[in-house]
Amino acid sequence: QVQLVESGGGLVQPGGSLRLSCAAPGYIFKIYTMGWYRQAPGKQRDLVADITKGDNTNYHDSVKGRFTISRDNAKNMVYLQMNSLKPEDTAVYYCNAFDPNFRRVGIPSDYWGQGTQVIVSS
């Protein structure tokens, strides 16, 4: 069972910042695209940002310019730096890993963390 372990969630005021971290096994990290999804109560789980092993990034429009995804290949860690947080960013954030070659041909390969709660409120 592959484990992705997230940390860094919490309560923050609007306009504040948080950094989420996710640790992944080395053999996953070397191949897989890593990403962050979020799910608010009553809503579907949506992609926030992802980053390939070649450091190509992709962001949801709602977080562009505010969130930054990065990966540390030496530590097998992926991070999500969240700045200028808004109440609508409140959600459970999930770390995700997938093999882009498998996804391209429709073969499931996703791994998920357990989720970390982010609450943006005054």
Protein backbone atom coordinates (compact mmCIF):
# COMPACT_ATOMS: atom_id res chain seq x y z
CA GLN A 1 0.00 0.00 0.00
CA VAL A 2 1.55 3.26 -1.16
CA GLN A 3 1.33 6.01 1.43
CA LEU A 4 1.29 9.70 0.72
CA VAL A 5 1.54 11.64 3.95
CA GLU A 6 0.33 15.23 4.08
CA SER A 7 0.93 17.88 6.69
CA GLY A 8 0.57 21.61 7.15
CA GLY A 9 -3.14 22.29 7.19
CA GLY A 10 -4.85 24.46 9.74
CA LEU A 11 -6.85 27.59 10.44
CA VAL A 12 -5.74 30.85 8.88
CA GLN A 13 -7.26 34.28 8.45
CA PRO A 14 -8.17 35.62 5.02
CA GLY A 15 -5.09 37.01 3.33
CA GLY A 16 -2.83 34.66 5.25
CA SER A 17 -0.51 31.91 4.09
CA LEU A 18 -0.03 28.19 4.65
CA ARG A 19 2.35 25.62 3.23
CA LEU A 20 1.22 22.06 2.72
CA SER A 21 3.74 19.23 2.49
CA CYS A 22 3.43 15.71 1.13
CA ALA A 23 5.93 12.89 1.49
CA ALA A 24 5.95 10.07 -1.05
CA PRO A 25 7.99 6.89 -1.49
CA GLY A 26 11.06 7.40 -3.65
CA TYR A 27 10.06 4.96 -6.39
CA ILE A 28 6.79 6.85 -6.84
CA PHE A 29 8.36 10.26 -6.71
CA LYS A 30 10.85 9.53 -9.48
CA ILE A 31 8.19 8.68 -12.04
CA TYR A 32 4.86 10.08 -11.00
CA THR A 33 3.29 13.45 -11.47
CA MET A 34 2.50 14.86 -8.03
CA GLY A 35 -0.41 17.10 -7.27
CA TRP A 36 -2.85 18.63 -4.84
CA TYR A 37 -6.61 18.34 -5.00
CA ARG A 38 -9.21 19.83 -2.71
CA GLN A 39 -12.73 19.01 -1.73
CA ALA A 40 -15.11 21.38 0.01
CA PRO A 41 -18.23 20.08 1.80
CA GLY A 42 -20.86 19.03 -0.70
CA LYS A 43 -18.59 19.57 -3.69
CA GLN A 44 -16.51 17.35 -5.93
CA ARG A 45 -12.79 16.90 -5.55
CA ASP A 46 -10.97 19.27 -7.90
CA LEU A 47 -7.39 19.64 -9.03
CA VAL A 48 -5.59 22.58 -7.44
CA ALA A 49 -2.15 22.14 -8.98
CA ASP A 50 0.18 19.46 -10.19
CA ILE A 51 3.84 19.15 -11.14
CA THR A 52 5.56 16.63 -13.38
CA LYS A 53 8.89 14.96 -12.69
CA GLY A 54 10.29 17.53 -15.12
CA ASP A 55 8.88 20.40 -13.03
CA ASN A 56 6.15 21.38 -15.48
CA THR A 57 3.29 22.84 -13.46
CA ASN A 58 -0.43 23.19 -13.94
CA TYR A 59 -2.82 25.28 -11.82
CA HIS A 60 -6.54 25.71 -11.45
CA ASP A 61 -7.49 29.20 -12.60
CA SER A 62 -8.80 30.13 -9.16
CA VAL A 63 -5.37 29.76 -7.53
CA LYS A 64 -3.07 31.11 -10.24
CA GLY A 65 -0.83 33.82 -8.86
CA ARG A 66 -1.59 32.83 -5.27
CA PHE A 67 -0.50 29.19 -4.94
CA THR A 68 2.82 27.65 -5.90
CA ILE A 69 3.52 23.95 -6.21
CA SER A 70 7.07 22.66 -5.97
CA ARG A 71 8.92 19.40 -5.45
CA ASP A 72 12.15 18.47 -3.73
CA ASN A 73 13.49 15.43 -5.51
CA ALA A 74 16.20 14.84 -2.90
CA LYS A 75 13.62 14.60 -0.10
CA ASN A 76 10.76 13.03 -2.09
CA MET A 77 8.53 15.89 -1.00
CA VAL A 78 5.98 18.03 -2.80
CA TYR A 79 4.80 21.34 -1.41
CA LEU A 80 1.91 23.71 -1.96
CA GLN A 81 2.61 27.27 -0.87
CA MET A 82 -0.71 29.05 -0.47
CA ASN A 83 -0.71 32.84 -0.20
CA SER A 84 -3.50 35.42 -0.13
CA LEU A 85 -5.89 32.76 1.12
CA LYS A 86 -9.61 33.31 0.72
CA PRO A 87 -12.58 31.77 2.56
CA GLU A 88 -13.43 29.89 -0.64
CA ASP A 89 -10.11 28.05 -0.35
CA THR A 90 -11.51 26.24 2.68
CA ALA A 91 -11.46 22.52 1.94
CA VAL A 92 -9.76 19.24 2.66
CA TYR A 93 -6.59 19.13 0.59
CA TYR A 94 -5.36 15.82 -0.76
CA CYS A 95 -1.95 14.89 -2.09
CA ASN A 96 -2.09 12.84 -5.29
CA ALA A 97 0.35 10.90 -7.41
CA PHE A 98 -0.23 9.34 -10.81
CA ASP A 99 1.80 7.83 -13.59
CA PRO A 100 1.24 10.03 -16.66
CA ASN A 101 2.00 7.17 -19.04
CA PHE A 102 -0.75 5.04 -17.49
CA ARG A 103 -3.21 7.91 -17.40
CA ARG A 104 -2.58 8.66 -21.05
CA VAL A 105 -3.90 5.22 -21.97
CA GLY A 106 -6.66 5.14 -19.40
CA ILE A 107 -5.06 2.83 -16.84
CA PRO A 108 -5.75 3.89 -13.24
CA SER A 109 -2.61 4.63 -11.26
CA ASP A 110 -3.65 7.21 -8.69
CA TYR A 111 -2.49 7.23 -5.10
CA TRP A 112 -3.97 9.52 -2.48
CA GLY A 113 -3.06 10.88 0.91
CA GLN A 114 -5.46 10.97 3.82
CA GLY A 115 -6.18 14.69 3.43
CA THR A 116 -5.44 17.75 5.51
CA GLN A 117 -8.01 20.37 6.47
CA VAL A 118 -7.52 24.00 5.53
CA ILE A 119 -9.91 26.55 7.01
CA VAL A 120 -9.76 30.19 5.98
CA SER A 121 -11.84 32.26 8.33
CA SER A 122 -11.69 35.39 10.44
